[in-house]
């Protein structure tokens, strides 16, 4: 024999508990976004961004405060994972994300690129992520990308670092 009233009570209690946990997670996400509300709007791509040097398709895994791989930035949709198409132009890096906010990082705002194994919420094998460090509103940001073809990561890191070095040299 089964005591249906007790069983339904436990199921209802479990469902309420799960709903509470999801609600708390959503509130935490919104709270983090309000803490980061001082971050200005994301820069849009210029009308004529220049010649495309490299292109890559893959996944955008999120952005964090530079050097703090667990401090996710959620303001302006930077915490939203999505597909991505990266295009490196003479004038900067275009990040096109279907279903999320696109943005453009001007060459003068790029600070570095490296291969790493993790960013908030995603850990892969060593060198599995392309991390691009850039400045936005006085804040250094690390954005993590994973190409559909992982062999491209080294080429991208080298091209970005060369572009940054060339730009810094020309500015002096």
N, C-alpha and C. Protein backbone atom coordinates (compact mmCIF):
# COMPACT_ATOMS: atom_id res chain seq x y z
N UNK A 1 0.83 -1.17 0.00
CA UNK A 1 0.00 0.00 0.00
C UNK A 1 0.88 1.25 0.00
N UNK A 2 0.36 2.26 -0.67
CA UNK A 2 1.07 3.53 -0.77
C UNK A 2 0.23 4.63 -0.15
N UNK A 3 0.90 5.46 0.64
CA UNK A 3 0.23 6.61 1.23
C UNK A 3 0.38 7.79 0.26
N UNK A 4 -0.62 7.94 -0.63
CA UNK A 4 -0.55 8.93 -1.70
C UNK A 4 -0.49 10.36 -1.16
N UNK A 5 -1.14 10.64 -0.11
CA UNK A 5 -1.14 12.00 0.45
C UNK A 5 0.28 12.40 0.88
N UNK A 6 0.97 11.50 1.56
CA UNK A 6 2.35 11.77 2.00
C UNK A 6 3.28 11.90 0.80
N UNK A 7 3.12 11.03 -0.17
CA UNK A 7 3.98 11.06 -1.36
C UNK A 7 3.77 12.37 -2.13
N UNK A 8 2.52 12.77 -2.33
CA UNK A 8 2.23 14.03 -3.03
C UNK A 8 2.76 15.23 -2.25
N UNK A 9 2.69 15.16 -0.92
CA UNK A 9 3.25 16.23 -0.08
C UNK A 9 4.75 16.37 -0.27
N UNK A 10 5.47 15.24 -0.30
CA UNK A 10 6.92 15.27 -0.52
C UNK A 10 7.26 15.79 -1.92
N UNK A 11 6.52 15.36 -2.92
CA UNK A 11 6.76 15.82 -4.29
C UNK A 11 6.52 17.33 -4.38
N UNK A 12 5.42 17.81 -3.81
CA UNK A 12 5.12 19.24 -3.83
C UNK A 12 6.21 20.02 -3.09
N UNK A 13 6.65 19.51 -1.95
CA UNK A 13 7.72 20.17 -1.20
C UNK A 13 9.02 20.23 -1.99
N UNK A 14 9.36 19.15 -2.67
CA UNK A 14 10.58 19.11 -3.50
C UNK A 14 10.48 20.10 -4.66
N UNK A 15 9.33 20.16 -5.31
CA UNK A 15 9.15 21.11 -6.41
C UNK A 15 9.25 22.55 -5.92
N UNK A 16 8.70 22.85 -4.76
CA UNK A 16 8.81 24.19 -4.19
C UNK A 16 10.26 24.53 -3.86
N UNK A 17 10.99 23.56 -3.34
CA UNK A 17 12.41 23.77 -3.02
C UNK A 17 13.21 24.07 -4.29
N UNK A 18 12.96 23.31 -5.36
CA UNK A 18 13.66 23.53 -6.63
C UNK A 18 13.32 24.91 -7.18
N UNK A 19 12.04 25.30 -7.10
CA UNK A 19 11.63 26.63 -7.57
C UNK A 19 12.33 27.72 -6.75
N UNK A 20 12.46 27.53 -5.45
CA UNK A 20 13.15 28.50 -4.60
C UNK A 20 14.62 28.63 -4.99
N UNK A 21 15.28 27.51 -5.25
CA UNK A 21 16.69 27.55 -5.63
C UNK A 21 16.86 28.31 -6.95
N UNK A 22 16.01 28.03 -7.94
CA UNK A 22 16.11 28.74 -9.21
C UNK A 22 15.82 30.24 -9.05
N UNK A 23 14.86 30.58 -8.22
CA UNK A 23 14.55 31.98 -7.97
C UNK A 23 15.75 32.68 -7.32
N UNK A 24 16.38 32.02 -6.35
CA UNK A 24 17.56 32.60 -5.70
C UNK A 24 18.71 32.77 -6.69
N UNK A 25 18.89 31.81 -7.59
CA UNK A 25 19.94 31.93 -8.61
C UNK A 25 19.67 33.13 -9.52
N UNK A 26 18.42 33.32 -9.91
CA UNK A 26 18.05 34.45 -10.76
C UNK A 26 18.28 35.77 -10.03
N UNK A 27 17.91 35.82 -8.76
CA UNK A 27 18.12 37.03 -7.97
C UNK A 27 19.62 37.34 -7.85
N UNK A 28 20.45 36.32 -7.68
CA UNK A 28 21.89 36.51 -7.62
C UNK A 28 22.45 37.07 -8.92
N UNK A 29 21.94 36.57 -10.04
CA UNK A 29 22.38 37.05 -11.35
C UNK A 29 22.00 38.52 -11.52
N UNK A 30 20.77 38.87 -11.14
CA UNK A 30 20.31 40.26 -11.25
C UNK A 30 21.10 41.15 -10.30
N UNK A 31 21.41 40.66 -9.10
CA UNK A 31 22.19 41.44 -8.14
C UNK A 31 23.59 41.71 -8.69
N UNK A 32 24.21 40.69 -9.27
CA UNK A 32 25.55 40.87 -9.85
C UNK A 32 25.49 41.90 -10.97
N UNK A 33 24.45 41.86 -11.78
CA UNK A 33 24.29 42.84 -12.85
C UNK A 33 24.14 44.25 -12.32
N UNK A 34 23.40 44.40 -11.21
CA UNK A 34 23.25 45.74 -10.64
C UNK A 34 24.56 46.24 -10.03
N UNK A 35 25.38 45.35 -9.50
CA UNK A 35 26.70 45.75 -8.99
C UNK A 35 27.60 46.24 -10.11
N UNK A 36 27.41 45.69 -11.30
CA UNK A 36 28.26 46.04 -12.43
C UNK A 36 27.60 47.08 -13.34
N UNK A 37 26.59 47.76 -12.85
CA UNK A 37 25.84 48.71 -13.67
C UNK A 37 26.66 49.93 -14.07
N UNK A 38 27.79 50.17 -13.43
CA UNK A 38 28.64 51.30 -13.78
C UNK A 38 29.41 51.08 -15.07
N UNK A 39 29.40 49.87 -15.58
CA UNK A 39 30.09 49.56 -16.83
C UNK A 39 29.32 50.21 -17.98
N UNK A 40 29.99 51.00 -18.83
CA UNK A 40 29.26 51.65 -19.94
C UNK A 40 28.74 50.64 -20.96
N UNK A 41 27.86 51.11 -21.84
CA UNK A 41 27.34 50.25 -22.90
C UNK A 41 28.47 49.72 -23.76
N UNK A 42 28.25 48.56 -24.34
CA UNK A 42 29.27 47.94 -25.18
C UNK A 42 29.46 48.74 -26.46
N UNK A 43 30.70 48.88 -26.93
CA UNK A 43 30.93 49.63 -28.17
C UNK A 43 30.39 48.87 -29.37
N UNK A 44 29.79 49.59 -30.29
CA UNK A 44 29.27 49.00 -31.53
C UNK A 44 30.35 49.07 -32.61
N UNK A 45 30.23 48.19 -33.58
CA UNK A 45 31.19 48.17 -34.68
C UNK A 45 31.03 49.42 -35.53
N UNK A 46 32.14 49.98 -36.00
CA UNK A 46 32.03 51.15 -36.90
C UNK A 46 31.43 50.73 -38.24
N UNK A 47 30.94 51.70 -38.98
CA UNK A 47 30.33 51.42 -40.29
C UNK A 47 31.33 50.79 -41.25
N UNK A 48 32.57 51.23 -41.19
CA UNK A 48 33.63 50.68 -42.06
C UNK A 48 34.77 50.20 -41.17
N UNK A 49 34.71 48.95 -40.68
CA UNK A 49 35.72 48.48 -39.74
C UNK A 49 37.09 48.19 -40.35
N UNK A 50 37.21 48.23 -41.65
CA UNK A 50 38.49 47.94 -42.28
C UNK A 50 38.55 46.52 -42.80
N UNK A 51 39.70 46.16 -43.31
CA UNK A 51 39.88 44.83 -43.90
C UNK A 51 39.90 43.76 -42.81
N UNK A 52 39.25 42.63 -43.10
CA UNK A 52 39.23 41.50 -42.16
C UNK A 52 40.53 40.71 -42.29
N UNK A 53 41.23 40.55 -41.18
CA UNK A 53 42.49 39.81 -41.16
C UNK A 53 42.25 38.34 -40.89
N UNK A 54 41.42 38.06 -39.88
CA UNK A 54 41.10 36.68 -39.48
C UNK A 54 39.62 36.57 -39.15
N UNK A 55 39.06 35.40 -39.34
CA UNK A 55 37.70 35.13 -38.88
C UNK A 55 37.68 33.78 -38.19
N UNK A 56 36.76 33.65 -37.25
CA UNK A 56 36.66 32.41 -36.48
C UNK A 56 35.21 32.23 -36.04
N UNK A 57 34.72 31.02 -36.10
CA UNK A 57 33.41 30.71 -35.54
C UNK A 57 33.62 29.77 -34.37
N UNK A 58 32.74 29.85 -33.39
CA UNK A 58 32.88 28.99 -32.22
C UNK A 58 31.88 29.37 -31.15
N UNK A 59 32.34 29.34 -29.90
CA UNK A 59 31.50 29.63 -28.75
C UNK A 59 32.11 30.76 -27.94
N UNK A 60 31.22 31.63 -27.45
CA UNK A 60 31.61 32.66 -26.50
C UNK A 60 31.22 32.11 -25.13
N UNK A 61 32.18 32.03 -24.21
CA UNK A 61 31.92 31.42 -22.91
C UNK A 61 31.75 32.42 -21.78
N UNK A 62 31.89 33.70 -22.06
CA UNK A 62 31.66 34.70 -21.03
C UNK A 62 32.85 35.59 -20.82
N UNK A 63 32.63 36.58 -19.95
CA UNK A 63 33.69 37.54 -19.63
C UNK A 63 33.82 37.65 -18.12
N UNK A 64 35.05 37.90 -17.68
CA UNK A 64 35.34 38.06 -16.26
C UNK A 64 36.22 39.28 -16.08
N UNK A 65 36.36 39.71 -14.83
CA UNK A 65 37.33 40.74 -14.52
C UNK A 65 38.72 40.16 -14.80
N UNK A 66 39.57 40.91 -15.47
CA UNK A 66 40.89 40.41 -15.87
C UNK A 66 41.66 39.86 -14.68
N UNK A 67 42.20 38.66 -14.84
CA UNK A 67 42.98 38.02 -13.79
C UNK A 67 42.14 37.31 -12.74
N UNK A 68 40.84 37.48 -12.76
CA UNK A 68 39.94 36.84 -11.80
C UNK A 68 39.01 35.90 -12.57
N UNK A 69 39.46 34.72 -12.88
CA UNK A 69 38.75 33.84 -13.80
C UNK A 69 37.39 33.36 -13.28
N UNK A 70 37.06 33.62 -12.02
CA UNK A 70 35.74 33.23 -11.50
C UNK A 70 34.80 34.42 -11.30
N UNK A 71 35.27 35.64 -11.51
CA UNK A 71 34.46 36.84 -11.28
C UNK A 71 33.73 37.22 -12.58
N UNK A 72 32.65 36.52 -12.87
CA UNK A 72 31.91 36.71 -14.11
C UNK A 72 31.28 38.11 -14.19
N UNK A 73 31.36 38.70 -15.38
CA UNK A 73 30.69 39.98 -15.64
C UNK A 73 29.40 39.65 -16.37
N UNK A 74 28.27 40.11 -15.82
CA UNK A 74 26.97 39.82 -16.43
C UNK A 74 26.32 41.06 -17.03
N UNK A 75 26.83 42.24 -16.72
CA UNK A 75 26.24 43.49 -17.23
C UNK A 75 26.31 43.52 -18.76
N UNK A 76 25.28 44.07 -19.37
CA UNK A 76 25.19 44.25 -20.82
C UNK A 76 25.28 42.94 -21.60
N UNK A 77 24.92 41.84 -20.98
CA UNK A 77 24.91 40.55 -21.67
C UNK A 77 26.25 39.88 -21.80
N UNK A 78 27.29 40.40 -21.14
CA UNK A 78 28.62 39.79 -21.25
C UNK A 78 28.69 38.42 -20.56
N UNK A 79 27.72 38.10 -19.72
CA UNK A 79 27.72 36.80 -19.06
C UNK A 79 26.94 35.74 -19.83
N UNK A 80 26.33 36.11 -20.93
CA UNK A 80 25.50 35.19 -21.70
C UNK A 80 26.34 34.38 -22.67
N UNK A 81 26.31 33.06 -22.51
CA UNK A 81 27.02 32.20 -23.45
C UNK A 81 26.26 32.15 -24.76
N UNK A 82 27.01 32.01 -25.85
CA UNK A 82 26.36 31.97 -27.16
C UNK A 82 27.34 31.47 -28.21
N UNK A 83 26.80 31.24 -29.39
CA UNK A 83 27.65 31.03 -30.56
C UNK A 83 28.32 32.37 -30.84
N UNK A 84 29.43 32.34 -31.55
CA UNK A 84 30.13 33.60 -31.83
C UNK A 84 30.83 33.52 -33.18
N UNK A 85 30.91 34.67 -33.81
CA UNK A 85 31.76 34.83 -34.98
C UNK A 85 32.69 36.00 -34.69
N UNK A 86 33.97 35.69 -34.57
CA UNK A 86 34.98 36.72 -34.32
C UNK A 86 35.61 37.13 -35.65
N UNK A 87 35.79 38.43 -35.81
CA UNK A 87 36.48 38.93 -36.99
C UNK A 87 37.50 39.96 -36.53
N UNK A 88 38.74 39.73 -36.87
CA UNK A 88 39.81 40.67 -36.54
C UNK A 88 40.00 41.61 -37.72
N UNK A 89 39.76 42.89 -37.48
CA UNK A 89 39.90 43.94 -38.49
C UNK A 89 41.12 44.77 -38.16
N UNK A 90 41.50 45.64 -39.08
CA UNK A 90 42.59 46.58 -38.84
C UNK A 90 42.26 47.49 -37.66
N UNK A 91 40.97 47.77 -37.47
CA UNK A 91 40.54 48.72 -36.45
C UNK A 91 40.13 48.08 -35.13
N UNK A 92 40.06 46.75 -35.08
CA UNK A 92 39.69 46.09 -33.83
C UNK A 92 39.09 44.72 -34.02
N UNK A 93 38.46 44.24 -32.97
CA UNK A 93 37.89 42.89 -32.92
C UNK A 93 36.38 42.98 -32.88
N UNK A 94 35.71 42.42 -33.89
CA UNK A 94 34.24 42.40 -33.95
C UNK A 94 33.76 41.07 -33.38
N UNK A 95 32.85 41.15 -32.41
CA UNK A 95 32.29 39.96 -31.77
C UNK A 95 30.80 39.93 -32.10
N UNK A 96 30.39 39.02 -32.96
CA UNK A 96 29.00 38.90 -33.38
C UNK A 96 28.43 37.65 -32.71
N UNK A 97 27.38 37.87 -31.89
CA UNK A 97 26.79 36.78 -31.11
C UNK A 97 25.29 36.70 -31.41
N UNK A 98 24.85 35.70 -32.17
CA UNK A 98 23.42 35.55 -32.42
C UNK A 98 22.67 35.29 -31.11
N UNK A 99 21.62 36.04 -30.88
CA UNK A 99 20.84 35.87 -29.66
C UNK A 99 21.39 36.62 -28.46
N UNK A 100 22.48 37.34 -28.63
CA UNK A 100 23.07 38.12 -27.54
C UNK A 100 23.62 39.42 -28.14
N UNK A 101 24.07 40.31 -27.28
CA UNK A 101 24.56 41.62 -27.74
C UNK A 101 25.91 41.48 -28.46
N UNK A 102 25.97 42.03 -29.66
CA UNK A 102 27.24 42.09 -30.38
C UNK A 102 28.05 43.26 -29.82
N UNK A 103 29.36 43.18 -29.95
CA UNK A 103 30.19 44.31 -29.54
C UNK A 103 31.46 44.36 -30.35
N UNK A 104 32.17 45.47 -30.25
CA UNK A 104 33.39 45.71 -31.00
C UNK A 104 34.44 46.25 -30.04
N UNK A 105 35.63 45.68 -30.09
CA UNK A 105 36.73 46.14 -29.25
C UNK A 105 37.74 46.85 -30.16
N UNK A 106 37.83 48.17 -30.05
CA UNK A 106 38.81 48.90 -30.88
C UNK A 106 40.24 48.44 -30.56
N UNK A 107 41.09 48.52 -31.55
CA UNK A 107 42.47 48.07 -31.40
C UNK A 107 43.15 48.71 -30.20
N UNK A 108 42.90 49.98 -29.97
CA UNK A 108 43.53 50.69 -28.85
C UNK A 108 43.08 50.19 -27.49
N UNK A 109 42.00 49.45 -27.42
CA UNK A 109 41.48 48.91 -26.15
C UNK A 109 41.92 47.47 -25.90
N UNK A 110 42.47 46.80 -26.90
CA UNK A 110 42.97 45.43 -26.73
C UNK A 110 44.24 45.45 -25.89
N UNK A 111 44.34 44.57 -24.92
CA UNK A 111 45.49 44.55 -24.02
C UNK A 111 46.31 43.27 -24.11
N UNK A 112 45.74 42.19 -24.63
CA UNK A 112 46.50 40.95 -24.74
C UNK A 112 45.61 39.78 -25.10
N UNK A 113 46.26 38.69 -25.50
CA UNK A 113 45.55 37.45 -25.81
C UNK A 113 46.42 36.29 -25.35
N UNK A 114 45.77 35.27 -24.85
CA UNK A 114 46.51 34.10 -24.38
C UNK A 114 45.62 32.86 -24.48
N UNK A 115 46.25 31.72 -24.39
CA UNK A 115 45.51 30.46 -24.33
C UNK A 115 45.43 30.05 -22.87
N UNK A 116 44.28 29.60 -22.45
CA UNK A 116 44.08 29.23 -21.05
C UNK A 116 43.16 28.02 -20.98
N UNK A 117 42.94 27.54 -19.77
CA UNK A 117 42.09 26.36 -19.63
C UNK A 117 40.74 26.65 -19.01
N UNK A 118 40.52 27.86 -18.49
CA UNK A 118 39.23 28.09 -17.85
C UNK A 118 38.82 29.53 -17.73
N UNK A 119 37.52 29.71 -17.66
CA UNK A 119 36.88 30.99 -17.38
C UNK A 119 35.60 30.63 -16.63
N UNK A 120 35.03 31.56 -15.90
CA UNK A 120 33.88 31.28 -15.02
C UNK A 120 32.87 30.34 -15.68
N UNK A 121 32.66 29.20 -15.08
CA UNK A 121 31.67 28.25 -15.56
C UNK A 121 32.14 27.32 -16.64
N UNK A 122 33.40 27.41 -17.09
CA UNK A 122 33.87 26.53 -18.15
C UNK A 122 35.35 26.23 -17.94
N UNK A 123 35.67 24.94 -17.80
CA UNK A 123 37.05 24.51 -17.67
C UNK A 123 37.29 23.43 -18.72
N UNK A 124 38.36 23.62 -19.48
CA UNK A 124 38.71 22.69 -20.56
C UNK A 124 40.16 22.25 -20.40
N UNK A 125 40.64 21.51 -21.37
CA UNK A 125 42.05 21.12 -21.37
C UNK A 125 42.92 22.36 -21.54
N UNK A 126 44.17 22.26 -21.13
CA UNK A 126 45.10 23.39 -21.25
C UNK A 126 45.12 23.90 -22.68
N UNK A 127 44.98 25.21 -22.85
CA UNK A 127 44.97 25.82 -24.17
C UNK A 127 43.64 25.70 -24.89
N UNK A 128 42.61 25.26 -24.22
CA UNK A 128 41.31 25.04 -24.85
C UNK A 128 40.50 26.30 -25.06
N UNK A 129 40.91 27.41 -24.43
CA UNK A 129 40.18 28.68 -24.58
C UNK A 129 41.12 29.78 -25.04
N UNK A 130 40.61 30.62 -25.92
CA UNK A 130 41.31 31.84 -26.31
C UNK A 130 40.77 32.93 -25.41
N UNK A 131 41.63 33.52 -24.60
CA UNK A 131 41.24 34.59 -23.69
C UNK A 131 41.77 35.91 -24.24
N UNK A 132 40.86 36.84 -24.50
CA UNK A 132 41.23 38.16 -25.00
C UNK A 132 41.01 39.16 -23.88
N UNK A 133 42.07 39.88 -23.51
CA UNK A 133 41.98 40.90 -22.47
C UNK A 133 41.82 42.26 -23.16
N UNK A 134 40.81 43.01 -22.69
CA UNK A 134 40.52 44.32 -23.27
C UNK A 134 40.03 45.26 -22.19
N UNK A 135 40.11 46.55 -22.47
CA UNK A 135 39.70 47.56 -21.50
C UNK A 135 38.36 48.15 -21.92
N UNK A 136 37.47 48.28 -20.94
CA UNK A 136 36.16 48.88 -21.21
C UNK A 136 35.74 49.70 -20.00
N UNK A 137 35.62 50.99 -20.19
CA UNK A 137 35.20 51.86 -19.09
C UNK A 137 36.14 51.84 -17.91
N UNK A 138 37.44 51.72 -18.15
CA UNK A 138 38.41 51.70 -17.07
C UNK A 138 38.55 50.34 -16.40
N UNK A 139 37.84 49.34 -16.87
CA UNK A 139 37.90 47.98 -16.30
C UNK A 139 38.56 47.06 -17.31
N UNK A 140 39.53 46.27 -16.84
CA UNK A 140 40.14 45.26 -17.71
C UNK A 140 39.26 44.02 -17.67
N UNK A 141 38.94 43.50 -18.84
CA UNK A 141 38.02 42.37 -18.98
C UNK A 141 38.70 41.25 -19.76
N UNK A 142 38.52 40.02 -19.29
CA UNK A 142 38.94 38.83 -20.02
C UNK A 142 37.70 38.20 -20.63
N UNK A 143 37.71 37.99 -21.94
CA UNK A 143 36.60 37.32 -22.62
C UNK A 143 37.11 36.00 -23.17
N UNK A 144 36.34 34.93 -22.95
CA UNK A 144 36.76 33.59 -23.36
C UNK A 144 36.02 33.09 -24.58
N UNK A 145 36.79 32.59 -25.56
CA UNK A 145 36.25 32.07 -26.80
C UNK A 145 36.84 30.69 -27.06
N UNK A 146 36.04 29.83 -27.67
CA UNK A 146 36.52 28.51 -28.09
C UNK A 146 36.13 28.33 -29.54
N UNK A 147 37.12 28.14 -30.37
CA UNK A 147 36.90 27.98 -31.80
C UNK A 147 36.33 26.59 -32.11
N UNK A 148 35.61 26.50 -33.21
CA UNK A 148 35.16 25.19 -33.68
C UNK A 148 36.36 24.36 -34.11
N UNK A 149 37.45 25.01 -34.45
CA UNK A 149 38.70 24.35 -34.81
C UNK A 149 39.79 24.84 -33.85
N UNK A 150 40.07 24.07 -32.82
CA UNK A 150 40.97 24.50 -31.73
C UNK A 150 42.37 24.86 -32.22
N UNK A 151 42.78 24.36 -33.37
CA UNK A 151 44.10 24.68 -33.89
C UNK A 151 44.25 26.16 -34.21
N UNK A 152 43.12 26.87 -34.36
CA UNK A 152 43.15 28.31 -34.67
C UNK A 152 43.55 29.17 -33.49
N UNK A 153 43.44 28.65 -32.29
CA UNK A 153 43.69 29.46 -31.09
C UNK A 153 45.07 30.12 -31.09
N UNK A 154 46.09 29.35 -31.42
CA UNK A 154 47.46 29.89 -31.40
C UNK A 154 47.62 30.99 -32.43
N UNK A 155 47.07 30.80 -33.62
CA UNK A 155 47.14 31.82 -34.67
C UNK A 155 46.46 33.10 -34.21
N UNK A 156 45.30 32.96 -33.58
CA UNK A 156 44.57 34.13 -33.09
C UNK A 156 45.35 34.85 -32.00
N UNK A 157 45.88 34.12 -31.03
CA UNK A 157 46.64 34.75 -29.95
C UNK A 157 47.85 35.50 -30.50
N UNK A 158 48.56 34.88 -31.43
CA UNK A 158 49.73 35.53 -32.03
C UNK A 158 49.33 36.79 -32.80
N UNK A 159 48.26 36.69 -33.60
CA UNK A 159 47.82 37.84 -34.41
C UNK A 159 47.37 38.99 -33.52
N UNK A 160 46.61 38.69 -32.47
CA UNK A 160 46.16 39.75 -31.56
C UNK A 160 47.32 40.40 -30.84
N UNK A 161 48.25 39.60 -30.32
CA UNK A 161 49.40 40.16 -29.60
C UNK A 161 50.29 40.98 -30.53
N UNK A 162 50.45 40.54 -31.78
CA UNK A 162 51.22 41.32 -32.75
C UNK A 162 50.54 42.65 -33.04
N UNK A 163 49.21 42.61 -33.20
CA UNK A 163 48.46 43.84 -33.46
C UNK A 163 48.58 44.81 -32.29
N UNK A 164 48.51 44.29 -31.08
CA UNK A 164 48.60 45.13 -29.88
C UNK A 164 49.99 45.76 -29.78
N UNK A 165 51.02 44.96 -30.00
CA UNK A 165 52.40 45.46 -29.94
C UNK A 165 52.63 46.53 -31.00
N UNK A 166 52.13 46.29 -32.21
CA UNK A 166 52.28 47.25 -33.30
C UNK A 166 51.56 48.55 -32.98
N UNK A 167 50.34 48.44 -32.44
CA UNK A 167 49.55 49.63 -32.11
C UNK A 167 50.21 50.43 -30.99
N UNK A 168 50.74 49.74 -29.96
CA UNK A 168 51.40 50.44 -28.87
C UNK A 168 52.67 51.12 -29.36
N UNK A 169 53.40 50.46 -30.27
CA UNK A 169 54.61 51.05 -30.82
C UNK A 169 54.31 52.28 -31.66
N UNK A 170 53.21 52.26 -32.40
CA UNK A 170 52.84 53.39 -33.25
C UNK A 170 52.34 54.57 -32.42
N UNK A 171 51.79 54.28 -31.25
CA UNK A 171 51.25 55.35 -30.40
C UNK A 171 52.35 56.14 -29.70
N UNK A 172 53.53 55.57 -29.61
CA UNK A 172 54.64 56.24 -28.90
C UNK A 172 55.32 57.23 -29.75
